[in-house]
Amino acid sequence: MKTLLLAIGIAAILAHPFRTEAAEPRYRYAYSCDGYNQDRDDVAGSAMVIAIFDRAGLATNLVHFHFNTHFGGAPTHAEEHRKSVLWTAVLFGIIKEENADDGFFDVSRSPEEKAAAIKHLAGEIRKSTAEHPLMIFCGGGVQVPCAALELAIAEGASPAALKTVTFVSHSIANEQTRRKGHPDYERNWDDLVGMSPHPKFLDHTSTLVNGRRSGEPVKGDQNSTAWNQGPRKGLEGMVNWQWLAAYGARVEGFGFTGTKGEWLLTRLKAAGAPELGHNGNAEADASDAGMVFGQMPGGSTDATMEDIRRFFMGAPL
């Protein structure tokens, strides 16, 4: 009987991985993503990430956000991504100004802003404690998180602090991304993991990130969940997101007036760019937001559209 109860207890933990622990207000969060010319889905995903923290009442726990990491080349959608991050954060009341000193960094704008992002994230890593641990979501290549962890260690981050830091990735593509011979972009997830034995590293193979409630084997990323409604996946694009129009208070700014949900619909639509080909046309694809949603109160690692709708439209959390 004791063996049976233990097995049931373990199964329950795996069925709801990390969610209860991560949902506690004591957690602090950081978010990293590309969206410069690599993945246009970040134009949708980053806005939804901010909306998730806002809806969960954890916006003040979002202590760091950097975006527009890239491998060089033309910034095909850096500006649209900038709107999705900074304009969304302003409209939702998370930051006061588009370009304030507030923990949000567009690392493509200048070497100085990239260096500031690395230094800021390194500081958040060093400040991590058992009472206020840090979870770093990696929605793209991990070159900036690598540099931040390296700097944190160089500046004296203690093993005790590092043990309370968790890095999360939902996609093997993000984990493998690197550009050999490029000094800023030659490191990937394996290099990050190899820097220190102390942090937790949850990758795309983990049930804590991509677990399925049905008990099916873990799938490779969040692209197969309802967060991705993209036509390039053979789905209906914006159709299944229209309920968002009724979500949230009315906001105004940057030439926009409407509900929070209506603003999010503009970002989901802006992710589409058929002229850029397969990797460009990411209309209605907010898949990176799925790894954040899985750690929120009321979230799940294999979200259906009803799960997402209930999170935003249900009773206050």
Protein backbone atom coordinates (compact mmCIF):
# COMPACT_ATOMS: atom_id res chain seq x y z
CA MET A 1 0.00 0.00 0.00
CA LYS A 2 2.80 2.42 0.87
CA THR A 3 4.47 1.61 -2.45
CA LEU A 4 1.23 2.33 -4.29
CA LEU A 5 0.74 5.66 -2.52
CA LEU A 6 4.31 6.66 -3.29
CA ALA A 7 3.81 5.85 -6.96
CA ILE A 8 0.60 7.85 -7.04
CA GLY A 9 2.36 10.78 -5.38
CA ILE A 10 5.19 10.73 -7.89
CA ALA A 11 2.72 10.55 -10.78
CA ALA A 12 0.85 13.54 -9.40
CA ILE A 13 4.04 15.58 -9.23
CA LEU A 14 4.93 14.71 -12.82
CA ALA A 15 1.41 15.45 -14.03
CA HIS A 16 1.66 19.01 -12.73
CA PRO A 17 5.36 19.66 -13.04
CA PHE A 18 6.85 22.56 -11.15
CA ARG A 19 3.61 24.54 -11.42
CA THR A 20 2.76 24.90 -7.75
CA GLU A 21 6.32 25.84 -6.82
CA ALA A 22 6.73 28.25 -9.73
CA ALA A 23 3.38 29.91 -9.13
CA GLU A 24 4.36 31.15 -5.70
CA PRO A 25 4.97 34.92 -5.67
CA ARG A 26 8.45 34.38 -4.27
CA TYR A 27 9.72 33.31 -7.71
CA ARG A 28 11.38 35.92 -9.90
CA TYR A 29 11.41 35.52 -13.68
CA ALA A 30 13.60 36.48 -16.62
CA TYR A 31 12.80 36.03 -20.30
CA SER A 32 15.16 35.78 -23.28
CA CYS A 33 14.26 35.53 -26.97
CA ASP A 34 15.43 36.22 -30.50
CA GLY A 35 12.82 37.65 -32.89
CA TYR A 36 15.27 39.79 -34.87
CA ASN A 37 15.43 37.87 -38.12
CA GLN A 38 15.34 34.29 -36.86
CA ASP A 39 11.84 33.62 -35.55
CA ARG A 40 8.99 35.90 -36.41
CA ASP A 41 6.72 33.95 -34.05
CA ASP A 42 8.31 36.01 -31.24
CA VAL A 43 6.30 38.98 -32.53
CA ALA A 44 3.25 37.12 -31.21
CA GLY A 45 4.89 35.10 -28.45
CA SER A 46 6.60 37.94 -26.58
CA ALA A 47 3.39 39.98 -26.34
CA MET A 48 1.57 36.93 -25.02
CA VAL A 49 4.32 36.24 -22.48
CA ILE A 50 3.88 39.73 -21.05
CA ALA A 51 0.11 39.26 -21.03
CA ILE A 52 0.48 35.97 -19.14
CA PHE A 53 2.54 37.55 -16.37
CA ASP A 54 0.07 40.45 -16.23
CA ARG A 55 -2.96 38.18 -16.02
CA ALA A 56 -1.33 35.93 -13.41
CA GLY A 57 -0.63 38.92 -11.17
CA LEU A 58 3.10 38.28 -11.46
CA ALA A 59 4.16 41.25 -13.56
CA THR A 60 6.25 42.67 -10.73
CA ASN A 61 8.08 39.34 -10.56
CA LEU A 62 9.24 39.72 -14.16
CA VAL A 63 12.60 41.25 -13.32
CA HIS A 64 14.38 40.96 -16.67
CA PHE A 65 13.40 40.74 -20.35
CA HIS A 66 15.83 40.88 -23.27
CA PHE A 67 14.97 40.36 -26.91
CA ASN A 68 16.08 40.71 -30.54
CA THR A 69 19.13 38.53 -30.14
CA HIS A 70 20.32 37.58 -33.62
CA PHE A 71 23.09 36.16 -35.81
CA GLY A 72 23.64 39.27 -37.89
CA GLY A 73 21.95 40.04 -41.18
CA ALA A 74 19.02 42.32 -41.90
CA PRO A 75 16.58 42.91 -39.00
CA THR A 76 13.52 41.71 -40.89
CA HIS A 77 11.14 42.04 -37.97
CA ALA A 78 13.09 43.65 -35.14
CA GLU A 79 10.82 46.71 -35.13
CA GLU A 80 7.59 44.70 -34.94
CA HIS A 81 9.10 42.65 -32.13
CA ARG A 82 10.09 45.83 -30.30
CA LYS A 83 6.43 46.91 -30.38
CA SER A 84 5.33 43.53 -29.05
CA VAL A 85 7.65 43.81 -26.06
CA LEU A 86 7.96 47.46 -25.14
CA TRP A 87 4.59 48.77 -26.32
CA THR A 88 2.77 45.84 -24.71
CA ALA A 89 4.63 46.37 -21.44
CA VAL A 90 3.72 50.07 -21.44
CA LEU A 91 0.07 49.54 -22.43
CA PHE A 92 -0.35 46.87 -19.74
CA GLY A 93 1.23 49.10 -17.09
CA ILE A 94 4.30 46.94 -16.50
CA ILE A 95 6.81 49.65 -17.44
CA LYS A 96 6.27 53.40 -17.53
CA GLU A 97 8.11 54.35 -20.70
CA GLU A 98 9.18 52.63 -23.88
CA ASN A 99 12.89 53.28 -23.35
CA ALA A 100 13.18 53.60 -19.57
CA ASP A 101 15.83 51.94 -17.42
CA ASP A 102 13.52 49.15 -16.32
CA GLY A 103 14.97 45.71 -16.94
CA PHE A 104 13.76 45.48 -20.57
CA PHE A 105 16.54 45.38 -23.20
CA ASP A 106 16.57 45.33 -27.00
CA VAL A 107 20.03 43.83 -27.44
CA SER A 108 20.06 44.58 -31.18
CA ARG A 109 20.00 48.36 -30.78
CA SER A 110 23.57 48.84 -29.67
CA PRO A 111 26.54 47.01 -28.17
CA GLU A 112 25.99 49.11 -25.05
CA GLU A 113 22.40 47.90 -24.59
CA LYS A 114 23.47 44.31 -25.13
CA ALA A 115 26.23 44.70 -22.52
CA ALA A 116 23.72 46.28 -20.15
CA ALA A 117 21.35 43.33 -20.62
CA ILE A 118 24.12 40.85 -19.84
CA LYS A 119 25.18 42.78 -16.76
CA HIS A 120 21.58 43.16 -15.52
CA LEU A 121 20.77 39.46 -15.92
CA ALA A 122 24.06 38.52 -14.25
CA GLY A 123 23.04 40.68 -11.31
CA GLU A 124 19.66 38.94 -11.06
CA ILE A 125 21.43 35.58 -11.09
CA ARG A 126 23.74 36.64 -8.27
CA LYS A 127 20.75 37.87 -6.21
CA SER A 128 18.92 34.55 -6.45
CA THR A 129 18.11 32.90 -3.10
CA ALA A 130 16.00 30.02 -1.83
CA GLU A 131 13.43 32.59 -0.74
CA HIS A 132 13.51 34.47 -4.05
CA PRO A 133 14.74 32.03 -6.72
CA LEU A 134 15.15 32.99 -10.38
CA MET A 135 13.62 31.18 -13.35
CA ILE A 136 15.04 32.13 -16.75
CA PHE A 137 12.91 31.24 -19.76
CA CYS A 138 14.96 30.83 -22.95
CA GLY A 139 12.75 31.40 -25.98
CA GLY A 140 15.60 31.44 -28.48
CA GLY A 141 19.32 30.92 -28.74
CA VAL A 142 21.03 31.18 -25.37
CA GLN A 143 24.03 33.32 -26.23
CA VAL A 144 23.02 36.20 -23.96
CA PRO A 145 22.10 33.90 -21.02
CA CYS A 146 25.48 32.19 -21.52
CA ALA A 147 27.26 35.52 -21.25
CA ALA A 148 25.19 36.50 -18.21
CA LEU A 149 25.86 33.24 -16.36
CA GLU A 150 29.55 33.50 -17.20
CA LEU A 151 29.67 37.06 -15.85
CA ALA A 152 27.71 36.14 -12.72
CA ILE A 153 30.21 33.38 -11.94
CA ALA A 154 33.16 35.71 -12.66
CA GLU A 155 31.67 38.30 -10.31
CA GLY A 156 31.40 35.81 -7.47
CA ALA A 157 27.97 34.19 -7.70
CA SER A 158 27.94 31.63 -4.91
CA PRO A 159 27.04 27.96 -5.41
CA ALA A 160 24.13 28.56 -3.03
CA ALA A 161 22.78 31.30 -5.30
CA LEU A 162 23.34 29.31 -8.49
CA LYS A 163 21.47 26.32 -7.06
CA THR A 164 18.33 28.47 -6.92
CA VAL A 165 18.50 29.45 -10.61
CA THR A 166 16.52 27.47 -13.20
CA PHE A 167 16.98 27.74 -16.97
CA VAL A 168 14.01 26.60 -19.09
CA SER A 169 13.88 25.80 -22.82
CA HIS A 170 11.04 24.18 -24.75
CA SER A 171 12.67 23.64 -28.16
CA ILE A 172 15.57 21.60 -29.47
CA ALA A 173 16.01 24.16 -32.24
CA ASN A 174 16.65 26.87 -29.66
CA GLU A 175 19.00 24.62 -27.73
CA GLN A 176 21.10 23.76 -30.78
CA THR A 177 21.24 27.27 -32.24
CA ARG A 178 24.74 28.63 -32.67
CA ARG A 179 26.91 30.21 -35.36
CA LYS A 180 30.40 28.78 -35.33
CA GLY A 181 33.13 31.30 -35.82
CA HIS A 182 30.98 34.20 -34.65
CA PRO A 183 32.36 35.40 -31.30
CA ASP A 184 28.98 36.55 -30.00
CA TYR A 185 26.93 33.56 -31.13
CA GLU A 186 29.08 30.44 -31.01
CA ARG A 187 27.65 29.01 -27.78
CA ASN A 188 24.44 27.05 -27.27
CA TRP A 189 22.52 25.12 -24.58
CA ASP A 190 25.26 22.53 -24.09
CA ASP A 191 27.73 25.32 -23.36
CA LEU A 192 25.29 26.88 -20.90
CA VAL A 193 24.83 23.59 -19.05
CA GLY A 194 28.59 23.05 -18.97
CA MET A 195 29.32 26.35 -17.23
CA SER A 196 28.23 25.28 -13.77
CA PRO A 197 26.92 22.14 -12.06
CA HIS A 198 24.71 24.14 -9.76
CA PRO A 199 21.69 25.60 -11.65
CA LYS A 200 18.73 23.50 -12.78
CA PHE A 201 18.45 23.06 -16.56
CA LEU A 202 15.06 22.02 -17.95
CA ASP A 203 15.18 21.35 -21.67
CA HIS A 204 12.69 20.26 -24.34
CA THR A 205 12.83 16.61 -23.18
CA SER A 206 11.54 17.41 -19.70
CA THR A 207 8.01 16.60 -18.60
CA LEU A 208 8.32 19.76 -16.51
CA VAL A 209 8.30 21.74 -19.77
CA ASN A 210 6.58 19.69 -22.47
CA GLY A 211 4.66 17.09 -20.44
CA ARG A 212 1.38 15.75 -21.83
CA ARG A 213 -1.58 15.11 -19.52
CA SER A 214 -2.60 12.08 -21.56
CA GLY A 215 0.58 10.31 -20.55
CA GLU A 216 1.90 10.37 -24.11
CA PRO A 217 5.64 10.72 -24.62
CA VAL A 218 6.94 14.26 -24.27
CA LYS A 219 6.74 16.12 -27.57
CA GLY A 220 9.64 18.19 -28.84
CA ASP A 221 8.36 21.70 -28.18
CA GLN A 222 5.32 23.90 -27.60
CA ASN A 223 4.55 24.19 -31.33
CA SER A 224 2.07 21.32 -31.09
CA THR A 225 -0.01 23.00 -28.38
CA ALA A 226 -2.86 25.47 -28.88
CA TRP A 227 -0.46 28.40 -28.53
CA ASN A 228 0.41 27.80 -32.18
CA GLN A 229 -2.55 28.40 -34.48
CA GLY A 230 -0.34 29.24 -37.46
CA PRO A 231 -1.39 28.54 -41.04
CA ARG A 232 2.07 27.10 -41.66
CA LYS A 233 0.98 24.28 -39.32
CA GLY A 234 -2.18 23.79 -41.38
CA LEU A 235 -4.33 25.61 -38.79
CA GLU A 236 -6.81 28.47 -39.09
CA GLY A 237 -4.62 31.37 -38.08
CA MET A 238 -6.47 34.18 -36.31
CA VAL A 239 -9.87 32.47 -36.29
CA ASN A 240 -9.46 30.64 -32.99
CA TRP A 241 -8.02 33.68 -31.21
CA GLN A 242 -10.97 36.03 -31.78
CA TRP A 243 -12.35 35.55 -28.26
CA LEU A 244 -9.39 37.63 -27.05
CA ALA A 245 -11.14 40.82 -28.21
CA ALA A 246 -13.29 40.73 -25.06
CA TYR A 247 -10.31 40.35 -22.71
CA GLY A 248 -9.11 43.04 -20.35
CA ALA A 249 -9.51 46.71 -19.67
CA ARG A 250 -9.31 49.33 -22.40
CA VAL A 251 -5.85 50.74 -22.95
CA GLU A 252 -4.59 53.60 -25.05
CA GLY A 253 -1.26 54.58 -26.50
CA PHE A 254 0.99 54.42 -29.55
CA GLY A 255 -2.00 55.23 -31.76
CA PHE A 256 -4.02 52.31 -30.39
CA THR A 257 -7.25 52.34 -28.40
CA GLY A 258 -9.00 49.14 -27.39
CA THR A 259 -8.99 46.25 -24.95
CA LYS A 260 -5.84 44.45 -23.90
CA GLY A 261 -7.06 41.49 -25.91
CA GLU A 262 -7.60 43.58 -29.02
CA TRP A 263 -4.01 44.76 -28.73
CA LEU A 264 -2.83 41.14 -28.44
CA LEU A 265 -4.76 40.32 -31.62
CA THR A 266 -2.75 42.98 -33.47
CA ARG A 267 0.46 41.28 -32.33
CA LEU A 268 -0.75 37.81 -33.32
CA LYS A 269 -1.61 39.19 -36.76
CA ALA A 270 1.69 41.09 -37.08
CA ALA A 271 3.60 37.83 -36.70
CA GLY A 272 2.42 36.90 -40.20
CA ALA A 273 4.62 37.81 -43.15
CA PRO A 274 4.05 35.42 -46.06
CA GLU A 275 6.63 37.22 -48.17
CA LEU A 276 9.37 36.00 -45.82
CA GLY A 277 8.64 32.35 -46.50
CA HIS A 278 8.13 29.44 -44.10
CA ASN A 279 10.07 30.82 -41.18
CA GLY A 280 8.56 34.25 -41.61
CA ASN A 281 4.84 33.58 -41.79
CA ALA A 282 4.09 32.99 -38.12
CA GLU A 283 0.61 34.54 -37.95
CA ALA A 284 -1.21 33.41 -34.78
CA ASP A 285 1.84 31.48 -33.54
CA ALA A 286 2.61 32.35 -29.90
CA SER A 287 4.22 28.99 -29.17
CA ASP A 288 7.09 30.29 -27.01
CA ALA A 289 4.51 31.60 -24.54
CA GLY A 290 3.56 28.00 -23.81
CA MET A 291 6.63 27.29 -21.68
CA VAL A 292 5.75 30.28 -19.49
CA PHE A 293 2.07 29.36 -19.30
CA GLY A 294 2.99 25.91 -18.01
CA GLN A 295 4.49 27.46 -14.87
CA MET A 296 1.64 29.85 -14.08
CA PRO A 297 -1.37 29.35 -11.78
CA GLY A 298 -4.03 27.72 -13.92
CA GLY A 299 -1.52 26.91 -16.65
CA SER A 300 -0.56 23.61 -18.25
CA THR A 301 2.34 22.27 -20.29
CA ASP A 302 0.04 21.00 -23.07
CA ALA A 303 -2.49 23.81 -23.33
CA THR A 304 -5.70 23.54 -25.31
CA MET A 305 -7.38 26.70 -26.58
CA GLU A 306 -9.99 26.25 -23.86
CA ASP A 307 -7.22 26.21 -21.23
CA ILE A 308 -5.89 29.49 -22.60
CA ARG A 309 -9.32 31.07 -22.88
CA ARG A 310 -10.21 30.08 -19.32
CA PHE A 311 -6.92 31.52 -18.03
CA PHE A 312 -7.64 34.92 -19.54
CA MET A 313 -11.43 35.06 -19.39
CA GLY A 314 -12.26 33.08 -16.24
CA ALA A 315 -12.60 34.35 -12.69
CA PRO A 316 -9.72 36.50 -11.37
CA LEU A 317 -6.72 34.40 -10.37
